[in-house]
PDB file of N, CA and C in Angstrom:
ATOM      1  N   UNK A   1     -30.199   1.902   8.430  1.00  0.00           N
ATOM      2  CA  UNK A   1     -29.516   3.300   8.730  1.00  0.00           C
ATOM      3  C   UNK A   1     -29.977   4.304   8.393  1.00  0.00           C
ATOM      4  N   UNK A   2     -30.221   5.634   8.927  1.00  0.00           N
ATOM      5  CA  UNK A   2     -31.232   6.302   9.112  1.00  0.00           C
ATOM      6  C   UNK A   2     -30.089   7.465   7.994  1.00  0.00           C
ATOM      7  N   UNK A   3     -30.572   8.230   7.609  1.00  0.00           N
ATOM      8  CA  UNK A   3     -29.576   9.313   7.226  1.00  0.00           C
ATOM      9  C   UNK A   3     -28.983  10.208   7.242  1.00  0.00           C
ATOM     10  N   UNK A   4     -29.177  10.194   9.261  1.00  0.00           N
ATOM     11  CA  UNK A   4     -28.476  10.871   9.905  1.00  0.00           C
ATOM     12  C   UNK A   4     -27.098   9.914  10.740  1.00  0.00           C
ATOM     13  N   UNK A   5     -27.224   8.760   9.940  1.00  0.00           N
ATOM     14  CA  UNK A   5     -26.431   8.189  10.741  1.00  0.00           C
ATOM     15  C   UNK A   5     -25.037   8.080   9.658  1.00  0.00           C
ATOM     16  N   UNK A   6     -24.051   8.365   9.972  1.00  0.00           N
ATOM     17  CA  UNK A   6     -22.933   7.740   8.864  1.00  0.00           C
ATOM     18  C   UNK A   6     -22.281   6.282   8.499  1.00  0.00           C
ATOM     19  N   UNK A   7     -21.635   5.973   7.591  1.00  0.00           N
ATOM     20  CA  UNK A   7     -21.311   5.244   8.088  1.00  0.00           C
ATOM     21  C   UNK A   7     -20.099   4.682   8.718  1.00  0.00           C
ATOM     22  N   UNK A   8     -18.934   5.781   9.600  1.00  0.00           N
ATOM     23  CA  UNK A   8     -18.497   5.653   9.910  1.00  0.00           C
ATOM     24  C   UNK A   8     -19.555   4.808  11.671  1.00  0.00           C
ATOM     25  N   UNK A   9     -20.677   4.953  11.794  1.00  0.00           N
ATOM     26  CA  UNK A   9     -21.151   5.189  13.497  1.00  0.00           C
ATOM     27  C   UNK A   9     -22.282   3.698  13.112  1.00  0.00           C
ATOM     28  N   UNK A  10     -22.420   3.257  11.935  1.00  0.00           N
ATOM     29  CA  UNK A  10     -22.904   2.336  11.361  1.00  0.00           C
ATOM     30  C   UNK A  10     -21.933   0.930  11.811  1.00  0.00           C
ATOM     31  N   UNK A  11     -20.713   1.251  11.292  1.00  0.00           N
ATOM     32  CA  UNK A  11     -19.502   0.180  11.225  1.00  0.00           C
ATOM     33  C   UNK A  11     -19.012   0.223  12.586  1.00  0.00           C
ATOM     34  N   UNK A  12     -18.933   1.080  13.719  1.00  0.00           N
ATOM     35  CA  UNK A  12     -19.116   1.449  14.686  1.00  0.00           C
ATOM     36  C   UNK A  12     -19.811   0.449  15.736  1.00  0.00           C
ATOM     37  N   UNK A  13     -21.224   0.296  15.160  1.00  0.00           N
ATOM     38  CA  UNK A  13     -22.806  -0.026  15.841  1.00  0.00           C
ATOM     39  C   UNK A  13     -22.469  -1.759  16.014  1.00  0.00           C
ATOM     40  N   UNK A  14     -22.109  -1.879  14.379  1.00  0.00           N
ATOM     41  CA  UNK A  14     -21.890  -3.720  14.198  1.00  0.00           C
ATOM     42  C   UNK A  14     -20.575  -3.845  14.822  1.00  0.00           C
ATOM     43  N   UNK A  15     -20.027  -3.518  14.957  1.00  0.00           N
ATOM     44  CA  UNK A  15     -18.606  -4.132  15.752  1.00  0.00           C
ATOM     45  C   UNK A  15     -18.884  -3.929  16.957  1.00  0.00           C
ATOM     46  N   UNK A  16     -19.463  -3.056  17.635  1.00  0.00           N
ATOM     47  CA  UNK A  16     -20.107  -3.438  19.367  1.00  0.00           C
ATOM     48  C   UNK A  16     -20.999  -4.640  19.681  1.00  0.00           C
ATOM     49  N   UNK A  17     -21.376  -4.979  18.222  1.00  0.00           N
ATOM     50  CA  UNK A  17     -22.508  -6.333  18.440  1.00  0.00           C
ATOM     51  C   UNK A  17     -21.607  -7.588  18.405  1.00  0.00           C
ATOM     52  N   UNK A  18     -19.845  -7.433  18.106  1.00  0.00           N
ATOM     53  CA  UNK A  18     -19.200  -8.546  17.813  1.00  0.00           C
ATOM     54  C   UNK A  18     -18.531  -8.846  19.111  1.00  0.00           C
ATOM     55  N   UNK A  19     -18.478 -10.074  19.167  1.00  0.00           N
ATOM     56  CA  UNK A  19     -17.468 -10.524  20.018  1.00  0.00           C
ATOM     57  C   UNK A  19     -16.515 -10.721  19.518  1.00  0.00           C
ATOM     58  N   UNK A  20     -16.112 -11.772  18.125  1.00  0.00           N
ATOM     59  CA  UNK A  20     -15.062 -12.224  17.747  1.00  0.00           C
ATOM     60  C   UNK A  20     -14.808 -11.212  16.462  1.00  0.00           C
ATOM     61  N   UNK A  21     -13.247 -11.476  15.880  1.00  0.00           N
ATOM     62  CA  UNK A  21     -12.771 -10.975  14.709  1.00  0.00           C
ATOM     63  C   UNK A  21     -12.353 -12.295  14.178  1.00  0.00           C
ATOM     64  N   UNK A  22     -12.353 -12.075  13.227  1.00  0.00           N
ATOM     65  CA  UNK A  22     -11.070 -12.678  12.023  1.00  0.00           C
ATOM     66  C   UNK A  22      -9.958 -11.775  11.408  1.00  0.00           C
ATOM     67  N   UNK A  23      -8.775 -12.521  11.596  1.00  0.00           N
ATOM     68  CA  UNK A  23      -7.801 -11.079  11.106  1.00  0.00           C
ATOM     69  C   UNK A  23      -6.866 -12.339  10.373  1.00  0.00           C
ATOM     70  N   UNK A  24      -7.472 -11.175   8.963  1.00  0.00           N
ATOM     71  CA  UNK A  24      -6.113 -12.583   8.259  1.00  0.00           C
ATOM     72  C   UNK A  24      -5.147 -12.073   7.881  1.00  0.00           C
ATOM     73  N   UNK A  25      -3.961 -12.624   7.977  1.00  0.00           N
ATOM     74  CA  UNK A  25      -2.457 -12.072   7.668  1.00  0.00           C
ATOM     75  C   UNK A  25      -2.058 -12.911   6.314  1.00  0.00           C
ATOM     76  N   UNK A  26      -1.049 -12.538   5.666  1.00  0.00           N
ATOM     77  CA  UNK A  26       0.137 -13.017   5.037  1.00  0.00           C
ATOM     78  C   UNK A  26       1.240 -13.521   5.139  1.00  0.00           C
ATOM     79  N   UNK A  27       1.741 -14.727   5.027  1.00  0.00           N
ATOM     80  CA  UNK A  27       2.690 -15.379   5.292  1.00  0.00           C
ATOM     81  C   UNK A  27       4.350 -15.436   4.326  1.00  0.00           C
ATOM     82  N   UNK A  28       5.148 -15.255   4.679  1.00  0.00           N
ATOM     83  CA  UNK A  28       6.462 -15.007   3.239  1.00  0.00           C
ATOM     84  C   UNK A  28       5.792 -15.394   2.253  1.00  0.00           C
ATOM     85  N   UNK A  29       5.125 -16.840   2.273  1.00  0.00           N
ATOM     86  CA  UNK A  29       4.790 -16.882   0.893  1.00  0.00           C
ATOM     87  C   UNK A  29       3.761 -16.418   0.376  1.00  0.00           C
ATOM     88  N   UNK A  30       3.003 -15.831   0.809  1.00  0.00           N
ATOM     89  CA  UNK A  30       1.910 -14.869   0.387  1.00  0.00           C
ATOM     90  C   UNK A  30       0.170 -15.813   0.920  1.00  0.00           C
ATOM     91  N   UNK A  31       0.664 -16.831   1.140  1.00  0.00           N
ATOM     92  CA  UNK A  31      -0.936 -17.807   1.648  1.00  0.00           C
ATOM     93  C   UNK A  31      -1.296 -16.978   2.672  1.00  0.00           C
ATOM     94  N   UNK A  32      -2.887 -16.372   2.985  1.00  0.00           N
ATOM     95  CA  UNK A  32      -3.502 -15.633   3.853  1.00  0.00           C
ATOM     96  C   UNK A  32      -3.601 -16.535   4.749  1.00  0.00           C
ATOM     97  N   UNK A  33      -3.711 -16.377   6.295  1.00  0.00           N
ATOM     98  CA  UNK A  33      -4.141 -17.178   7.323  1.00  0.00           C
ATOM     99  C   UNK A  33      -5.228 -15.998   7.572  1.00  0.00           C
ATOM    100  N   UNK A  34      -6.363 -16.855   8.810  1.00  0.00           N
ATOM    101  CA  UNK A  34      -7.231 -16.068   8.912  1.00  0.00           C
ATOM    102  C   UNK A  34      -7.289 -17.287  10.808  1.00  0.00           C
ATOM    103  N   UNK A  35      -7.325 -16.148  11.761  1.00  0.00           N
ATOM    104  CA  UNK A  35      -7.742 -16.729  13.126  1.00  0.00           C
ATOM    105  C   UNK A  35      -8.062 -15.799  13.464  1.00  0.00           C
ATOM    106  N   UNK A  36      -8.852 -16.223  14.806  1.00  0.00           N
ATOM    107  CA  UNK A  36     -10.447 -15.475  15.483  1.00  0.00           C
ATOM    108  C   UNK A  36      -9.454 -15.187  16.295  1.00  0.00           C
ATOM    109  N   UNK A  37      -9.717 -13.584  16.895  1.00  0.00           N
ATOM    110  CA  UNK A  37      -9.611 -12.820  18.024  1.00  0.00           C
ATOM    111  C   UNK A  37     -10.406 -11.993  18.665  1.00  0.00           C
ATOM    112  N   UNK A  38     -10.484 -12.387  19.674  1.00  0.00           N
ATOM    113  CA  UNK A  38     -11.711 -11.550  21.094  1.00  0.00           C
ATOM    114  C   UNK A  38     -11.449  -9.981  20.484  1.00  0.00           C
ATOM    115  N   UNK A  39     -12.331  -9.172  20.520  1.00  0.00           N
ATOM    116  CA  UNK A  39     -12.682  -7.722  20.075  1.00  0.00           C
ATOM    117  C   UNK A  39     -13.003  -7.077  21.455  1.00  0.00           C
ATOM    118  N   UNK A  40     -11.935  -5.809  21.578  1.00  0.00           N
ATOM    119  CA  UNK A  40     -12.102  -5.774  22.876  1.00  0.00           C
ATOM    120  C   UNK A  40     -13.293  -4.495  23.168  1.00  0.00           C
ATOM    121  N   UNK A  41     -13.711  -4.593  23.777  1.00  0.00           N
ATOM    122  CA  UNK A  41     -15.315  -3.326  24.531  1.00  0.00           C
ATOM    123  C   UNK A  41     -14.452  -2.313  24.444  1.00  0.00           C
ATOM    124  N   UNK A  42     -14.958  -1.706  23.440  1.00  0.00           N
ATOM    125  CA  UNK A  42     -14.510  -0.049  23.493  1.00  0.00           C
ATOM    126  C   UNK A  42     -15.132   0.543  22.931  1.00  0.00           C
ATOM    127  N   UNK A  43     -15.341   1.779  23.207  1.00  0.00           N
ATOM    128  CA  UNK A  43     -16.256   2.625  22.226  1.00  0.00           C
ATOM    129  C   UNK A  43     -15.164   2.969  20.585  1.00  0.00           C
ATOM    130  N   UNK A  44     -16.190   2.711  19.473  1.00  0.00           N
ATOM    131  CA  UNK A  44     -14.862   2.449  18.607  1.00  0.00           C
ATOM    132  C   UNK A  44     -14.706   4.221  17.947  1.00  0.00           C
ATOM    133  N   UNK A  45     -13.489   4.401  18.138  1.00  0.00           N
ATOM    134  CA  UNK A  45     -12.888   5.608  17.562  1.00  0.00           C
ATOM    135  C   UNK A  45     -12.169   5.507  16.008  1.00  0.00           C
ATOM    136  N   UNK A  46     -12.535   4.535  15.255  1.00  0.00           N
ATOM    137  CA  UNK A  46     -11.987   3.949  13.898  1.00  0.00           C
ATOM    138  C   UNK A  46     -10.503   3.175  14.108  1.00  0.00           C
ATOM    139  N   UNK A  47      -9.843   2.555  15.510  1.00  0.00           N
ATOM    140  CA  UNK A  47      -9.000   1.799  16.009  1.00  0.00           C
ATOM    141  C   UNK A  47      -9.881   0.173  16.125  1.00  0.00           C
ATOM    142  N   UNK A  48      -9.319  -0.516  15.928  1.00  0.00           N
ATOM    143  CA  UNK A  48      -9.750  -1.949  16.242  1.00  0.00           C
ATOM    144  C   UNK A  48      -8.231  -2.533  17.316  1.00  0.00           C
ATOM    145  N   UNK A  49      -8.162  -2.894  18.637  1.00  0.00           N
ATOM    146  CA  UNK A  49      -7.514  -3.486  19.102  1.00  0.00           C
ATOM    147  C   UNK A  49      -7.547  -4.757  19.343  1.00  0.00           C
ATOM    148  N   UNK A  50      -6.565  -5.521  19.457  1.00  0.00           N
ATOM    149  CA  UNK A  50      -6.464  -7.121  19.488  1.00  0.00           C
ATOM    150  C   UNK A  50      -4.935  -7.256  20.317  1.00  0.00           C
ATOM    151  N   UNK A  51      -5.094  -7.886  21.570  1.00  0.00           N
ATOM    152  CA  UNK A  51      -4.213  -8.227  22.416  1.00  0.00           C
ATOM    153  C   UNK A  51      -3.907  -9.930  21.757  1.00  0.00           C
ATOM    154  N   UNK A  52      -2.369 -10.042  21.884  1.00  0.00           N
ATOM    155  CA  UNK A  52      -2.239 -11.366  21.281  1.00  0.00           C
ATOM    156  C   UNK A  52      -0.312 -11.586  22.037  1.00  0.00           C
ATOM    157  N   UNK A  53      -0.135 -13.030  22.159  1.00  0.00           N
ATOM    158  CA  UNK A  53       1.395 -12.925  22.495  1.00  0.00           C
ATOM    159  C   UNK A  53       2.396 -12.686  21.603  1.00  0.00           C
ATOM    160  N   UNK A  54       3.507 -12.036  22.190  1.00  0.00           N
ATOM    161  CA  UNK A  54       4.874 -11.179  20.647  1.00  0.00           C
ATOM    162  C   UNK A  54       5.580 -11.845  21.621  1.00  0.00           C
ATOM    163  N   UNK A  55       7.059 -12.366  21.005  1.00  0.00           N
ATOM    164  CA  UNK A  55       6.653 -12.648  19.587  1.00  0.00           C
ATOM    165  C   UNK A  55       5.972 -13.841  19.279  1.00  0.00           C
ATOM    166  N   UNK A  56       5.116 -13.790  18.275  1.00  0.00           N
ATOM    167  CA  UNK A  56       4.376 -15.298  17.327  1.00  0.00           C
ATOM    168  C   UNK A  56       4.231 -14.565  15.828  1.00  0.00           C
ATOM    169  N   UNK A  57       3.581 -15.854  15.351  1.00  0.00           N
ATOM    170  CA  UNK A  57       3.408 -16.059  13.893  1.00  0.00           C
ATOM    171  C   UNK A  57       2.899 -14.955  13.947  1.00  0.00           C
ATOM    172  N   UNK A  58       1.323 -14.279  14.530  1.00  0.00           N
ATOM    173  CA  UNK A  58       0.701 -13.367  13.958  1.00  0.00           C
ATOM    174  C   UNK A  58       1.669 -12.379  14.013  1.00  0.00           C
ATOM    175  N   UNK A  59       2.316 -11.774  15.398  1.00  0.00           N
ATOM    176  CA  UNK A  59       3.543 -10.612  14.860  1.00  0.00           C
ATOM    177  C   UNK A  59       4.315 -10.078  13.908  1.00  0.00           C
ATOM    178  N   UNK A  60       4.407 -11.284  13.944  1.00  0.00           N
ATOM    179  CA  UNK A  60       5.973 -11.249  12.808  1.00  0.00           C
ATOM    180  C   UNK A  60       5.126 -11.301  11.302  1.00  0.00           C
ATOM    181  N   UNK A  61       3.935 -11.600  10.825  1.00  0.00           N
ATOM    182  CA  UNK A  61       3.506 -11.377   9.819  1.00  0.00           C
ATOM    183  C   UNK A  61       2.700  -9.466   9.437  1.00  0.00           C
ATOM    184  N   UNK A  62       2.247  -9.561  10.775  1.00  0.00           N
ATOM    185  CA  UNK A  62       2.308  -7.816  10.710  1.00  0.00           C
ATOM    186  C   UNK A  62       3.528  -7.091  10.521  1.00  0.00           C
ATOM    187  N   UNK A  63       4.336  -7.793  10.944  1.00  0.00           N
ATOM    188  CA  UNK A  63       5.442  -6.975  11.289  1.00  0.00           C
ATOM    189  C   UNK A  63       6.059  -6.421   9.688  1.00  0.00           C
ATOM    190  N   UNK A  64       6.160  -7.923   9.262  1.00  0.00           N
ATOM    191  CA  UNK A  64       6.279  -8.260   7.558  1.00  0.00           C
ATOM    192  C   UNK A  64       5.158  -7.410   7.067  1.00  0.00           C
ATOM    193  N   UNK A  65       3.986  -7.399   6.770  1.00  0.00           N
ATOM    194  CA  UNK A  65       3.029  -7.203   6.114  1.00  0.00           C
ATOM    195  C   UNK A  65       2.045  -6.540   6.925  1.00  0.00           C
ATOM    196  N   UNK A  66       1.888  -4.840   6.935  1.00  0.00           N
ATOM    197  CA  UNK A  66       1.104  -4.282   7.753  1.00  0.00           C
ATOM    198  C   UNK A  66      -0.085  -4.288   7.270  1.00  0.00           C
ATOM    199  N   UNK A  67      -0.850  -4.501   6.259  1.00  0.00           N
ATOM    200  CA  UNK A  67      -1.999  -4.860   5.230  1.00  0.00           C
ATOM    201  C   UNK A  67      -2.797  -6.101   5.898  1.00  0.00           C
ATOM    202  N   UNK A  68      -4.022  -5.821   6.464  1.00  0.00           N
ATOM    203  CA  UNK A  68      -4.043  -6.693   7.248  1.00  0.00           C
ATOM    204  C   UNK A  68      -5.491  -6.541   6.651  1.00  0.00           C
ATOM    205  N   UNK A  69      -6.455  -7.380   7.202  1.00  0.00           N
ATOM    206  CA  UNK A  69      -8.103  -7.845   6.793  1.00  0.00           C
ATOM    207  C   UNK A  69      -9.080  -7.875   8.032  1.00  0.00           C
ATOM    208  N   UNK A  70      -9.386  -7.729   8.601  1.00  0.00           N
ATOM    209  CA  UNK A  70     -10.773  -8.121   9.759  1.00  0.00           C
ATOM    210  C   UNK A  70     -11.764  -8.158   9.000  1.00  0.00           C
ATOM    211  N   UNK A  71     -12.405  -8.981   9.535  1.00  0.00           N
ATOM    212  CA  UNK A  71     -13.618  -9.217   9.567  1.00  0.00           C
ATOM    213  C   UNK A  71     -14.998  -9.720  11.159  1.00  0.00           C
ATOM    214  N   UNK A  72     -15.263  -9.377  10.944  1.00  0.00           N
ATOM    215  CA  UNK A  72     -16.209  -9.423  12.768  1.00  0.00           C
ATOM    216  C   UNK A  72     -17.872  -9.726  11.953  1.00  0.00           C
ATOM    217  N   UNK A  73     -18.117 -10.229  13.025  1.00  0.00           N
ATOM    218  CA  UNK A  73     -19.630 -11.258  12.422  1.00  0.00           C
ATOM    219  C   UNK A  73     -20.054 -11.400  13.997  1.00  0.00           C
ATOM    220  N   UNK A  74     -22.018 -10.921  13.839  1.00  0.00           N
ATOM    221  CA  UNK A  74     -22.447 -10.989  15.164  1.00  0.00           C
ATOM    222  C   UNK A  74     -23.759 -11.726  14.932  1.00  0.00           C
ATOM    223  N   UNK A  75     -23.887 -12.583  15.637  1.00  0.00           N
ATOM    224  CA  UNK A  75     -25.005 -13.727  16.099  1.00  0.00           C
ATOM    225  C   UNK A  75     -26.460 -12.913  15.702  1.00  0.00           C
ATOM    226  N   UNK A  76     -27.038 -12.253  16.573  1.00  0.00           N
ATOM    227  CA  UNK A  76     -28.378 -11.298  16.516  1.00  0.00           C
ATOM    228  C   UNK A  76     -28.296 -10.037  16.433  1.00  0.00           C
ATOM    229  N   UNK A  77     -28.703  -9.371  15.494  1.00  0.00           N
ATOM    230  CA  UNK A  77     -29.156  -9.770  14.357  1.00  0.00           C
ATOM    231  C   UNK A  77     -28.020 -10.369  13.231  1.00  0.00           C
ATOM    232  N   UNK A  78     -28.102 -11.124  12.327  1.00  0.00           N
ATOM    233  CA  UNK A  78     -26.928 -11.880  11.689  1.00  0.00           C
ATOM    234  C   UNK A  78     -26.558 -10.843  10.908  1.00  0.00           C
ATOM    235  N   UNK A  79     -25.472 -10.436  11.574  1.00  0.00           N
ATOM    236  CA  UNK A  79     -24.253  -9.559  10.565  1.00  0.00           C
ATOM    237  C   UNK A  79     -23.178  -9.600  10.683  1.00  0.00           C
ATOM    238  N   UNK A  80     -22.937  -9.391   9.128  1.00  0.00           N
ATOM    239  CA  UNK A  80     -21.261  -9.519   9.079  1.00  0.00           C
ATOM    240  C   UNK A  80     -20.041  -8.573   8.709  1.00  0.00           C
ATOM    241  N   UNK A  81     -18.992  -7.727   9.244  1.00  0.00           N
ATOM    242  CA  UNK A  81     -18.539  -6.562   9.039  1.00  0.00           C
ATOM    243  C   UNK A  81     -17.230  -6.838   8.481  1.00  0.00           C
ATOM    244  N   UNK A  82     -16.998  -6.068   7.185  1.00  0.00           N
ATOM    245  CA  UNK A  82     -15.177  -6.726   7.003  1.00  0.00           C
ATOM    246  C   UNK A  82     -15.301  -4.827   6.020  1.00  0.00           C
ATOM    247  N   UNK A  83     -14.100  -4.514   6.414  1.00  0.00           N
ATOM    248  CA  UNK A  83     -13.425  -2.917   5.660  1.00  0.00           C
ATOM    249  C   UNK A  83     -13.616  -3.211   4.194  1.00  0.00           C
ATOM    250  N   UNK A  84     -13.770  -2.398   3.386  1.00  0.00           N
ATOM    251  CA  UNK A  84     -13.164  -2.955   1.925  1.00  0.00           C
ATOM    252  C   UNK A  84     -11.851  -2.390   1.631  1.00  0.00           C
ATOM    253  N   UNK A  85     -11.370  -2.915   0.709  1.00  0.00           N
ATOM    254  CA  UNK A  85      -9.564  -2.534   0.237  1.00  0.00           C
ATOM    255  C   UNK A  85      -9.648  -1.113   0.083  1.00  0.00           C
ATOM    256  N   UNK A  86     -10.020  -1.176  -0.488  1.00  0.00           N
ATOM    257  CA  UNK A  86     -10.072   0.761  -0.448  1.00  0.00           C
ATOM    258  C   UNK A  86      -9.768   1.903   0.578  1.00  0.00           C
ATOM    259  N   UNK A  87     -10.525   1.159   1.715  1.00  0.00           N
ATOM    260  CA  UNK A  87     -10.404   2.023   3.000  1.00  0.00           C
ATOM    261  C   UNK A  87      -9.368   1.532   3.725  1.00  0.00           C
ATOM    262  N   UNK A  88      -8.963   0.419   3.876  1.00  0.00           N
ATOM    263  CA  UNK A  88      -7.765  -0.549   4.644  1.00  0.00           C
ATOM    264  C   UNK A  88      -6.593   0.556   5.072  1.00  0.00           C
ATOM    265  N   UNK A  89      -6.598   0.341   6.564  1.00  0.00           N
ATOM    266  CA  UNK A  89      -5.798   1.027   7.349  1.00  0.00           C
ATOM    267  C   UNK A  89      -4.761  -0.004   7.672  1.00  0.00           C
ATOM    268  N   UNK A  90      -3.451   0.008   7.413  1.00  0.00           N
ATOM    269  CA  UNK A  90      -2.252  -0.425   8.376  1.00  0.00           C
ATOM    270  C   UNK A  90      -2.176  -0.911   9.431  1.00  0.00           C
ATOM    271  N   UNK A  91      -1.976  -2.456  10.102  1.00  0.00           N
ATOM    272  CA  UNK A  91      -2.052  -2.896  11.262  1.00  0.00           C
ATOM    273  C   UNK A  91      -0.466  -2.597  11.802  1.00  0.00           C
ATOM    274  N   UNK A  92      -0.305  -1.498  13.172  1.00  0.00           N
ATOM    275  CA  UNK A  92       0.926  -2.005  13.816  1.00  0.00           C
ATOM    276  C   UNK A  92       0.820  -2.656  14.939  1.00  0.00           C
ATOM    277  N   UNK A  93       2.138  -3.324  15.752  1.00  0.00           N
ATOM    278  CA  UNK A  93       2.306  -4.008  16.635  1.00  0.00           C
ATOM    279  C   UNK A  93       2.873  -2.833  17.544  1.00  0.00           C
ATOM    280  N   UNK A  94       1.954  -2.794  19.220  1.00  0.00           N
ATOM    281  CA  UNK A  94       2.570  -2.150  19.837  1.00  0.00           C
ATOM    282  C   UNK A  94       3.036  -2.641  21.329  1.00  0.00           C
ATOM    283  N   UNK A  95       4.299  -2.208  21.829  1.00  0.00           N
ATOM    284  CA  UNK A  95       4.584  -3.628  23.313  1.00  0.00           C
ATOM    285  C   UNK A  95       4.681  -2.466  23.751  1.00  0.00           C
TER     286      UNK A  95
END
């Protein structure tokens, strides 16, 4: 990362290399549940979009608790991206 590359731009570069992300939600009992979802190819503007069936267990969990964690991974070069808890954004369900 160069001095002129912002943290935001670096995260966008890492996410652009990822094909899949693990999205972690919690169920009503507080258990953490992770599942792979495809990353939508688009310019990174700070938001990540995932498409899934609604209604589903995933959408019910996000509706009940919008705090989620997203971890992306790219194999070449090997990189992993996950937001820090202090910078987490809430998820929203759009129909």
